[in-house]
N, C-alpha and C. Protein backbone atom coordinates (compact mmCIF):
# COMPACT_ATOMS: atom_id res chain seq x y z
N MET A 1 0.52 -0.99 -0.02
CA MET A 1 -0.11 0.10 0.17
C MET A 1 1.00 1.29 -0.04
N PRO A 2 0.82 2.18 -0.99
CA PRO A 2 1.79 3.18 -1.16
C PRO A 2 1.27 4.39 -0.14
N PRO A 3 2.04 5.51 0.48
CA PRO A 3 1.55 6.39 1.66
C PRO A 3 0.30 7.12 0.71
N ILE A 4 -0.14 7.75 1.33
CA ILE A 4 -1.50 8.27 1.33
C ILE A 4 -0.63 10.23 1.04
N GLU A 5 -0.87 9.99 -0.64
CA GLU A 5 -0.56 11.50 -0.86
C GLU A 5 -1.25 12.06 -0.09
N GLY A 6 -0.57 13.20 -0.30
CA GLY A 6 -1.19 14.85 0.36
C GLY A 6 -1.34 14.66 2.13
N LEU A 7 -1.58 13.23 2.84
CA LEU A 7 -1.88 13.44 3.80
C LEU A 7 -0.28 13.44 5.01
N LYS A 8 -0.59 14.81 5.76
CA LYS A 8 0.27 15.57 6.67
C LYS A 8 0.05 14.50 8.19
N ALA A 9 0.03 13.34 8.46
CA ALA A 9 -0.14 13.38 9.52
C ALA A 9 1.36 12.42 9.82
N ASP A 10 1.67 12.20 11.31
CA ASP A 10 2.51 11.31 12.01
C ASP A 10 2.22 10.56 13.17
N ALA A 11 3.29 9.67 13.02
CA ALA A 11 2.69 8.65 14.35
C ALA A 11 3.89 8.33 14.70
N ALA A 12 4.01 8.01 16.20
CA ALA A 12 5.62 7.27 16.46
C ALA A 12 4.78 6.58 17.72
N GLY A 13 5.52 5.41 17.93
CA GLY A 13 4.79 4.36 19.23
C GLY A 13 5.45 3.14 19.00
N SER A 14 4.76 2.46 19.72
CA SER A 14 5.67 0.75 19.76
C SER A 14 4.58 -0.19 19.82
N VAL A 15 4.67 -1.52 19.56
CA VAL A 15 3.89 -2.41 19.81
C VAL A 15 5.06 -3.86 20.42
N THR A 16 4.66 -3.53 22.08
CA THR A 16 5.78 -4.49 22.68
C THR A 16 4.99 -5.59 23.50
N PHE A 17 5.79 -6.61 23.40
CA PHE A 17 5.23 -8.13 23.94
C PHE A 17 5.52 -8.43 25.02
N ASP A 18 4.63 -8.53 26.03
CA ASP A 18 4.65 -9.08 27.60
C ASP A 18 4.69 -10.08 27.52
N LEU A 19 6.02 -11.50 27.56
CA LEU A 19 5.71 -13.00 27.17
C LEU A 19 5.68 -13.74 28.44
N GLU A 20 4.97 -14.54 28.68
CA GLU A 20 5.40 -15.79 29.61
C GLU A 20 5.94 -17.07 28.84
N ARG A 21 7.20 -18.05 29.21
CA ARG A 21 7.55 -18.99 28.82
C ARG A 21 7.46 -19.97 29.59
N SER A 22 7.42 -21.11 29.25
CA SER A 22 7.32 -22.40 29.19
C SER A 22 9.11 -22.62 30.16
N GLY A 23 9.44 -24.04 30.90
CA GLY A 23 11.05 -24.04 31.24
C GLY A 23 11.52 -24.29 29.98
N THR A 24 11.22 -24.85 29.50
CA THR A 24 11.68 -24.74 27.61
C THR A 24 11.68 -23.50 26.83
N GLY A 25 11.24 -22.54 27.03
CA GLY A 25 11.40 -21.42 26.25
C GLY A 25 10.18 -21.26 25.93
N ALA A 26 9.34 -21.65 25.52
CA ALA A 26 8.15 -21.86 24.29
C ALA A 26 6.88 -20.92 24.82
N ILE A 27 6.52 -19.99 24.13
CA ILE A 27 5.74 -18.95 24.94
C ILE A 27 4.50 -19.73 24.77
N THR A 28 3.88 -19.21 26.30
CA THR A 28 2.53 -19.93 26.65
C THR A 28 1.26 -18.93 26.79
N SER A 29 2.05 -17.90 26.72
CA SER A 29 0.66 -16.96 27.15
C SER A 29 1.60 -15.13 26.25
N GLY A 30 0.71 -14.74 26.26
CA GLY A 30 1.24 -12.85 26.25
C GLY A 30 0.39 -12.15 26.66
N GLU A 31 0.90 -10.64 27.11
CA GLU A 31 0.67 -9.40 26.36
C GLU A 31 0.56 -8.34 25.29
N VAL A 32 -0.09 -8.13 24.45
CA VAL A 32 0.27 -7.02 23.50
C VAL A 32 -0.06 -5.50 23.94
N ILE A 33 1.04 -4.65 24.21
CA ILE A 33 0.70 -3.52 24.42
C ILE A 33 0.72 -2.26 22.74
N PHE A 34 -0.08 -1.71 22.97
CA PHE A 34 0.07 -0.88 21.52
C PHE A 34 0.14 0.66 22.37
N TYR A 35 1.21 1.39 21.79
CA TYR A 35 1.48 2.66 22.56
C TYR A 35 1.80 4.25 21.51
N PHE A 36 1.12 4.25 21.29
CA PHE A 36 1.27 5.12 19.71
C PHE A 36 0.65 6.93 19.98
N ASN A 37 1.53 8.08 19.78
CA ASN A 37 1.48 9.23 19.75
C ASN A 37 0.84 9.46 18.36
N TYR A 38 0.09 10.49 18.12
CA TYR A 38 -0.42 10.66 16.65
C TYR A 38 -0.48 12.31 16.64
N SER A 39 -0.37 12.65 15.49
CA SER A 39 -0.58 13.69 15.37
C SER A 39 -1.28 14.03 13.54
N PHE A 40 -2.16 14.31 13.87
CA PHE A 40 -3.06 15.08 12.21
C PHE A 40 -3.35 16.44 12.32
N PRO A 41 -3.10 16.97 11.02
CA PRO A 41 -3.38 18.33 11.01
C PRO A 41 -4.74 18.89 11.61
N GLY A 42 -5.75 18.11 11.87
CA GLY A 42 -6.81 18.56 12.22
C GLY A 42 -7.88 17.64 12.62
N ALA A 43 -8.89 17.89 12.93
CA ALA A 43 -9.99 17.06 13.51
C ALA A 43 -9.92 15.32 13.14
N VAL A 44 -9.67 14.02 13.75
CA VAL A 44 -9.66 13.22 13.02
C VAL A 44 -10.50 12.19 13.78
N THR A 45 -11.12 11.22 13.10
CA THR A 45 -11.53 10.07 13.82
C THR A 45 -10.78 8.94 13.59
N ILE A 46 -10.05 8.00 14.67
CA ILE A 46 -9.48 6.83 14.58
C ILE A 46 -10.43 5.64 14.70
N THR A 47 -10.37 5.15 13.68
CA THR A 47 -11.01 3.44 13.40
C THR A 47 -10.52 2.20 13.91
N GLY A 48 -9.28 2.12 14.26
CA GLY A 48 -8.27 0.95 14.40
C GLY A 48 -7.22 1.28 14.42
N LEU A 49 -6.37 0.18 15.22
CA LEU A 49 -5.04 -0.02 14.92
C LEU A 49 -4.88 -1.39 14.97
N HIS A 50 -3.97 -2.21 14.06
CA HIS A 50 -3.81 -3.38 14.32
C HIS A 50 -2.25 -3.52 13.68
N VAL A 51 -2.36 -5.03 14.06
CA VAL A 51 -1.03 -5.68 13.36
C VAL A 51 -1.82 -7.04 12.01
N HIS A 52 -1.00 -6.86 11.13
CA HIS A 52 -1.44 -7.49 9.90
C HIS A 52 -0.28 -7.73 9.51
N GLN A 53 -0.89 -9.38 8.83
CA GLN A 53 0.65 -10.16 8.08
C GLN A 53 0.78 -10.42 6.49
N ALA A 54 1.51 -8.95 6.29
CA ALA A 54 1.88 -9.10 4.79
C ALA A 54 3.61 -8.54 4.72
N ALA A 55 4.12 -8.74 3.80
CA ALA A 55 5.36 -7.96 3.35
C ALA A 55 5.22 -6.62 3.50
N LYS A 56 6.03 -5.89 3.25
CA LYS A 56 5.64 -4.71 2.39
C LYS A 56 5.35 -4.28 1.21
N GLY A 57 4.29 -3.32 1.35
CA GLY A 57 3.73 -3.45 0.01
C GLY A 57 2.91 -3.59 -0.38
N MET A 58 2.74 -4.88 0.55
CA MET A 58 1.51 -6.23 0.36
C MET A 58 0.25 -5.76 1.36
N ASN A 59 -0.97 -5.81 1.29
CA ASN A 59 -2.09 -5.63 1.92
C ASN A 59 -2.37 -7.00 2.78
N GLY A 60 -2.23 -7.05 4.05
CA GLY A 60 -2.93 -8.45 4.37
C GLY A 60 -3.85 -8.49 5.90
N ALA A 61 -4.18 -9.54 6.53
CA ALA A 61 -5.37 -9.85 7.20
C ALA A 61 -4.66 -9.56 8.90
N ILE A 62 -5.71 -8.98 9.54
CA ILE A 62 -5.22 -8.79 10.81
C ILE A 62 -5.21 -9.80 11.84
N VAL A 63 -4.18 -9.58 12.25
CA VAL A 63 -3.61 -11.34 13.37
C VAL A 63 -3.57 -10.25 14.70
N ILE A 64 -3.64 -9.17 15.41
CA ILE A 64 -4.14 -9.01 16.08
C ILE A 64 -4.60 -7.33 16.12
N SER A 65 -5.62 -7.26 16.98
CA SER A 65 -6.25 -6.17 17.27
C SER A 65 -6.28 -5.37 18.60
N SER A 66 -6.12 -3.93 17.95
CA SER A 66 -5.92 -3.29 19.19
C SER A 66 -7.32 -3.13 20.52
N GLY A 67 -8.27 -3.40 19.35
CA GLY A 67 -9.65 -3.29 20.16
C GLY A 67 -10.22 -1.64 19.90
N ILE A 68 -9.80 -1.02 19.85
CA ILE A 68 -9.66 0.24 19.63
C ILE A 68 -10.57 0.42 18.61
N GLY A 69 -11.83 1.07 18.95
CA GLY A 69 -13.12 1.50 18.04
C GLY A 69 -12.96 3.13 17.88
N ALA A 70 -14.15 3.59 17.51
CA ALA A 70 -13.54 5.09 16.94
C ALA A 70 -13.50 5.94 18.39
N ILE A 71 -12.49 6.54 17.83
CA ILE A 71 -12.27 7.64 18.53
C ILE A 71 -12.29 9.18 18.22
N ALA A 72 -12.80 9.83 18.51
CA ALA A 72 -13.14 11.03 17.70
C ALA A 72 -11.99 11.85 18.20
N ASP A 73 -11.11 12.67 17.71
CA ASP A 73 -10.13 13.83 18.19
C ASP A 73 -10.13 15.14 17.52
N ALA A 74 -11.02 16.13 18.34
CA ALA A 74 -10.67 17.46 17.86
C ALA A 74 -9.68 18.18 16.91
N ASP A 75 -8.38 18.12 17.63
CA ASP A 75 -7.53 18.78 17.62
C ASP A 75 -6.68 17.50 16.58
N GLY A 76 -6.65 16.71 16.63
CA GLY A 76 -5.86 15.84 16.04
C GLY A 76 -4.61 15.13 16.55
N GLN A 77 -4.15 15.55 17.83
CA GLN A 77 -3.23 15.21 18.22
C GLN A 77 -3.59 14.63 19.60
N GLY A 78 -3.19 13.19 19.77
CA GLY A 78 -3.26 12.49 20.71
C GLY A 78 -2.21 11.32 21.35
N ASN A 79 -2.72 10.40 21.76
CA ASN A 79 -2.26 9.04 22.37
C ASN A 79 -2.93 7.85 22.03
N VAL A 80 -2.80 6.89 21.82
CA VAL A 80 -3.42 5.52 21.85
C VAL A 80 -2.86 4.61 22.60
N THR A 81 -3.58 4.03 23.67
CA THR A 81 -2.92 2.91 24.27
C THR A 81 -3.73 1.91 24.70
N ALA A 82 -3.59 0.70 24.32
CA ALA A 82 -4.11 -0.41 24.73
C ALA A 82 -3.42 -1.81 24.80
N VAL A 83 -3.83 -2.73 25.62
CA VAL A 83 -3.42 -3.75 26.14
C VAL A 83 -4.44 -4.82 25.87
N VAL A 84 -3.41 -5.83 25.03
CA VAL A 84 -4.46 -7.20 24.45
C VAL A 84 -4.08 -8.35 25.16
N THR A 85 -4.69 -8.84 25.86
CA THR A 85 -4.57 -10.57 25.75
C THR A 85 -5.10 -11.24 25.03
N GLY A 86 -5.28 -12.54 25.26
CA GLY A 86 -5.54 -13.81 24.66
C GLY A 86 -5.13 -13.98 23.05
N THR A 87 -3.74 -13.32 22.57
CA THR A 87 -3.85 -13.38 21.89
C THR A 87 -2.85 -14.93 21.46
N PRO A 88 -2.88 -15.79 20.21
CA PRO A 88 -2.04 -17.01 20.80
C PRO A 88 -0.89 -17.28 20.35
N PRO A 89 -0.30 -17.70 21.49
CA PRO A 89 1.36 -18.07 21.65
C PRO A 89 1.56 -18.51 19.89
N ALA A 90 1.31 -19.31 19.39
CA ALA A 90 1.59 -19.38 17.73
C ALA A 90 1.91 -17.99 16.71
N THR A 91 1.05 -17.46 17.20
CA THR A 91 0.76 -16.04 16.37
C THR A 91 1.88 -14.95 17.29
N LEU A 92 2.16 -15.08 18.17
CA LEU A 92 3.20 -13.99 18.88
C LEU A 92 4.58 -14.83 18.72
N GLN A 93 4.69 -15.71 18.42
CA GLN A 93 5.56 -16.33 17.70
C GLN A 93 6.33 -16.44 16.70
N ALA A 94 5.48 -16.47 15.86
CA ALA A 94 5.31 -16.29 14.44
C ALA A 94 5.75 -14.70 13.77
N ILE A 95 5.56 -13.36 14.98
CA ILE A 95 5.67 -12.54 14.50
C ILE A 95 7.12 -12.43 15.02
N LEU A 96 7.61 -12.92 16.12
CA LEU A 96 9.02 -12.45 16.50
C LEU A 96 10.11 -13.33 15.89
N ASP A 97 9.62 -14.40 15.00
CA ASP A 97 10.48 -15.12 13.58
C ASP A 97 10.60 -14.24 12.71
N ASN A 98 9.57 -13.50 12.38
CA ASN A 98 9.32 -13.12 10.89
C ASN A 98 8.69 -11.94 11.30
N PRO A 99 9.11 -10.68 11.94
CA PRO A 99 8.86 -9.51 12.04
C PRO A 99 8.52 -8.91 10.60
N ARG A 100 9.63 -8.80 9.87
CA ARG A 100 8.84 -7.85 8.48
C ARG A 100 7.84 -8.34 7.79
N GLY A 101 7.45 -9.47 8.06
CA GLY A 101 6.21 -9.85 7.44
C GLY A 101 4.93 -9.85 8.27
N TYR A 102 4.89 -8.55 8.90
CA TYR A 102 3.80 -8.10 9.91
C TYR A 102 4.01 -6.92 9.67
N TYR A 103 3.20 -5.69 9.63
CA TYR A 103 3.04 -4.14 9.88
C TYR A 103 2.05 -3.73 10.79
N VAL A 104 1.78 -2.70 11.30
CA VAL A 104 1.24 -1.97 12.18
C VAL A 104 0.52 -1.15 11.55
N ASN A 105 -0.83 -0.75 11.25
CA ASN A 105 -1.90 0.16 10.65
C ASN A 105 -2.33 0.94 11.42
N LEU A 106 -3.03 2.24 11.16
CA LEU A 106 -3.41 2.89 11.80
C LEU A 106 -4.96 3.35 10.79
N HIS A 107 -5.84 3.46 11.32
CA HIS A 107 -7.20 3.26 10.22
C HIS A 107 -8.13 4.63 10.99
N THR A 108 -8.03 5.66 9.45
CA THR A 108 -9.31 6.72 10.31
C THR A 108 -10.42 6.46 9.37
N SER A 109 -11.46 7.35 9.66
CA SER A 109 -12.43 7.12 9.12
C SER A 109 -12.25 7.64 7.63
N VAL A 110 -11.22 8.68 7.42
CA VAL A 110 -11.05 9.42 5.85
C VAL A 110 -10.41 7.95 5.02
N ASN A 111 -9.58 7.41 5.81
CA ASN A 111 -8.99 6.31 5.49
C ASN A 111 -8.88 5.46 5.88
N PRO A 112 -10.00 4.43 5.55
CA PRO A 112 -10.26 3.58 6.23
C PRO A 112 -9.82 1.99 6.43
N ALA A 113 -8.44 2.07 4.91
CA ALA A 113 -7.91 1.15 4.74
C ALA A 113 -6.72 1.29 5.30
N GLY A 114 -6.12 2.48 6.14
CA GLY A 114 -4.85 2.51 6.82
C GLY A 114 -4.19 4.29 6.32
N ALA A 115 -4.46 4.84 7.33
CA ALA A 115 -3.81 6.20 7.37
C ALA A 115 -2.21 6.43 7.16
N MET A 116 -1.77 5.05 8.29
CA MET A 116 -0.60 5.19 8.55
C MET A 116 -0.34 3.88 8.73
N ARG A 117 1.14 3.64 8.41
CA ARG A 117 1.53 1.88 8.02
C ARG A 117 3.04 1.89 8.56
N GLU A 118 3.43 0.91 9.41
CA GLU A 118 5.05 0.83 9.23
C GLU A 118 5.14 -1.00 9.28
N GLN A 119 6.17 -1.05 8.64
CA GLN A 119 6.35 -2.61 8.70
C GLN A 119 7.20 -3.10 10.34
N MET A 120 6.83 -4.22 10.95
CA MET A 120 7.62 -4.45 11.98
C MET A 120 8.56 -4.62 12.21
N HIS A 121 9.82 -4.70 13.07
CA HIS A 121 11.57 -5.11 13.18
C HIS A 121 11.60 -5.98 14.06
N LYS A 122 12.77 -6.72 13.89
CA LYS A 122 13.55 -7.21 15.32
C LYS A 122 13.49 -6.35 16.19
N PRO A 123 12.57 -7.25 17.39
CA PRO A 123 12.35 -6.65 18.46
C PRO A 123 13.69 -6.75 19.49
N LYS A 124 13.24 -5.25 20.34
CA LYS A 124 14.58 -4.94 21.36
C LYS A 124 14.21 -5.58 22.44
N LYS A 125 14.88 -6.45 23.21
CA LYS A 125 14.86 -7.82 24.58
C LYS A 125 15.19 -6.37 25.88
N HIS A 126 14.21 -6.59 26.74
CA HIS A 126 14.44 -5.52 27.90
C HIS A 126 14.19 -6.76 28.90
């Protein structure tokens, strides 16, 4: 999906996995924490924030939803934070094994297919 021409918006944030592992190191459960600051030139309605499965330039299915519904923001400046539980351990492991095969997408009412998108990358371990 190419950048949206003329959209003067920006976002910075992270998707963090807080994982529980078995004695052998296998993921048994985990939380996914979405944290994003966004800036649009004016009023915006955010309609979704998801992790999708697809390589750069391709569109793919949602594999983790932040659960964010419609957020109307009058000045277009704000923050989205969401904690997601219940993501299958196999999905979490697949993202860790191949993060470039997944992207984060922020959707708005004006751009329902996605206003801003970024491929995931190798995680920083904390």
